């Protein structure tokens, strides 16, 4: 999903930046450009930061854990 229209940055790119250590909207903007122009996506970027830091097991890039049967 496109989050930052100014710089054409997707949620996947933002999540990757967060996983690599960008834990503020300023750091995300420096890493991938999201939120660096008009700031219209800043609330979404901040939500993604909170989600990624709170629930790393829900990251789309990781497979779901298998249950031991």
Protein backbone atom coordinates (compact mmCIF):
# COMPACT_ATOMS: atom_id res chain seq x y z
CA UNK A 1 0.00 0.00 0.00
CA UNK A 2 1.33 3.43 -0.89
CA UNK A 3 1.70 5.49 2.28
CA UNK A 4 3.77 8.49 1.18
CA UNK A 5 2.40 9.89 -2.06
CA UNK A 6 5.01 12.65 -2.30
CA UNK A 7 7.90 10.19 -2.48
CA UNK A 8 6.00 7.05 -3.57
CA UNK A 9 6.96 5.03 -0.48
CA UNK A 10 5.02 1.89 0.40
CA UNK A 11 4.23 0.47 3.82
CA UNK A 12 6.62 -2.38 3.06
CA UNK A 13 9.52 0.05 2.54
CA UNK A 14 8.62 1.87 5.76
CA UNK A 15 8.44 -1.41 7.69
CA UNK A 16 11.86 -2.40 6.35
CA UNK A 17 13.31 0.94 7.47
CA UNK A 18 11.83 0.41 10.94
CA UNK A 19 13.18 -3.14 11.12
CA UNK A 20 16.61 -1.75 10.24
CA UNK A 21 16.48 0.69 13.17
CA UNK A 22 14.48 3.78 12.12
CA UNK A 23 12.33 4.24 15.23
CA UNK A 24 11.18 7.86 14.79
CA UNK A 25 9.38 9.53 11.91
CA UNK A 26 12.52 11.61 11.32
CA UNK A 27 14.63 8.46 11.05
CA UNK A 28 12.11 6.86 8.69
CA UNK A 29 12.15 9.99 6.52
CA UNK A 30 15.94 9.87 6.38
CA UNK A 31 15.95 6.14 5.59
CA UNK A 32 13.29 5.92 2.89
CA UNK A 33 11.82 9.40 2.32
CA UNK A 34 8.39 8.75 3.83
CA UNK A 35 7.16 11.90 5.55
CA UNK A 36 10.01 14.07 4.30
CA UNK A 37 7.84 16.45 2.24
CA UNK A 38 4.34 17.52 3.24
CA UNK A 39 3.97 15.40 6.39
CA UNK A 40 0.54 14.12 5.38
CA UNK A 41 1.61 10.54 6.02
CA UNK A 42 3.32 11.21 9.34
CA UNK A 43 0.48 9.76 11.45
CA UNK A 44 0.53 6.56 9.39
CA UNK A 45 4.33 6.33 9.64
CA UNK A 46 4.13 6.76 13.42
CA UNK A 47 1.43 4.07 13.60
CA UNK A 48 3.63 1.69 11.62
CA UNK A 49 6.54 2.41 13.98
CA UNK A 50 4.37 1.59 17.01
CA UNK A 51 3.02 -1.57 15.37
CA UNK A 52 6.43 -2.84 14.27
CA UNK A 53 8.02 -2.20 17.65
CA UNK A 54 5.11 -3.70 19.61
CA UNK A 55 4.36 -6.75 17.46
CA UNK A 56 7.47 -7.84 15.57
CA UNK A 57 5.94 -11.31 15.10
CA UNK A 58 3.27 -9.75 12.83
CA UNK A 59 5.80 -8.51 10.29
CA UNK A 60 4.71 -9.56 6.80
CA UNK A 61 8.27 -10.52 5.87
CA UNK A 62 8.41 -13.27 8.48
CA UNK A 63 6.61 -16.60 8.09
CA UNK A 64 4.05 -17.48 10.72
CA UNK A 65 5.46 -19.72 13.47
CA UNK A 66 4.61 -23.39 13.21
CA UNK A 67 3.01 -25.15 16.12
CA UNK A 68 4.71 -28.28 17.40
CA UNK A 69 2.23 -31.09 16.99
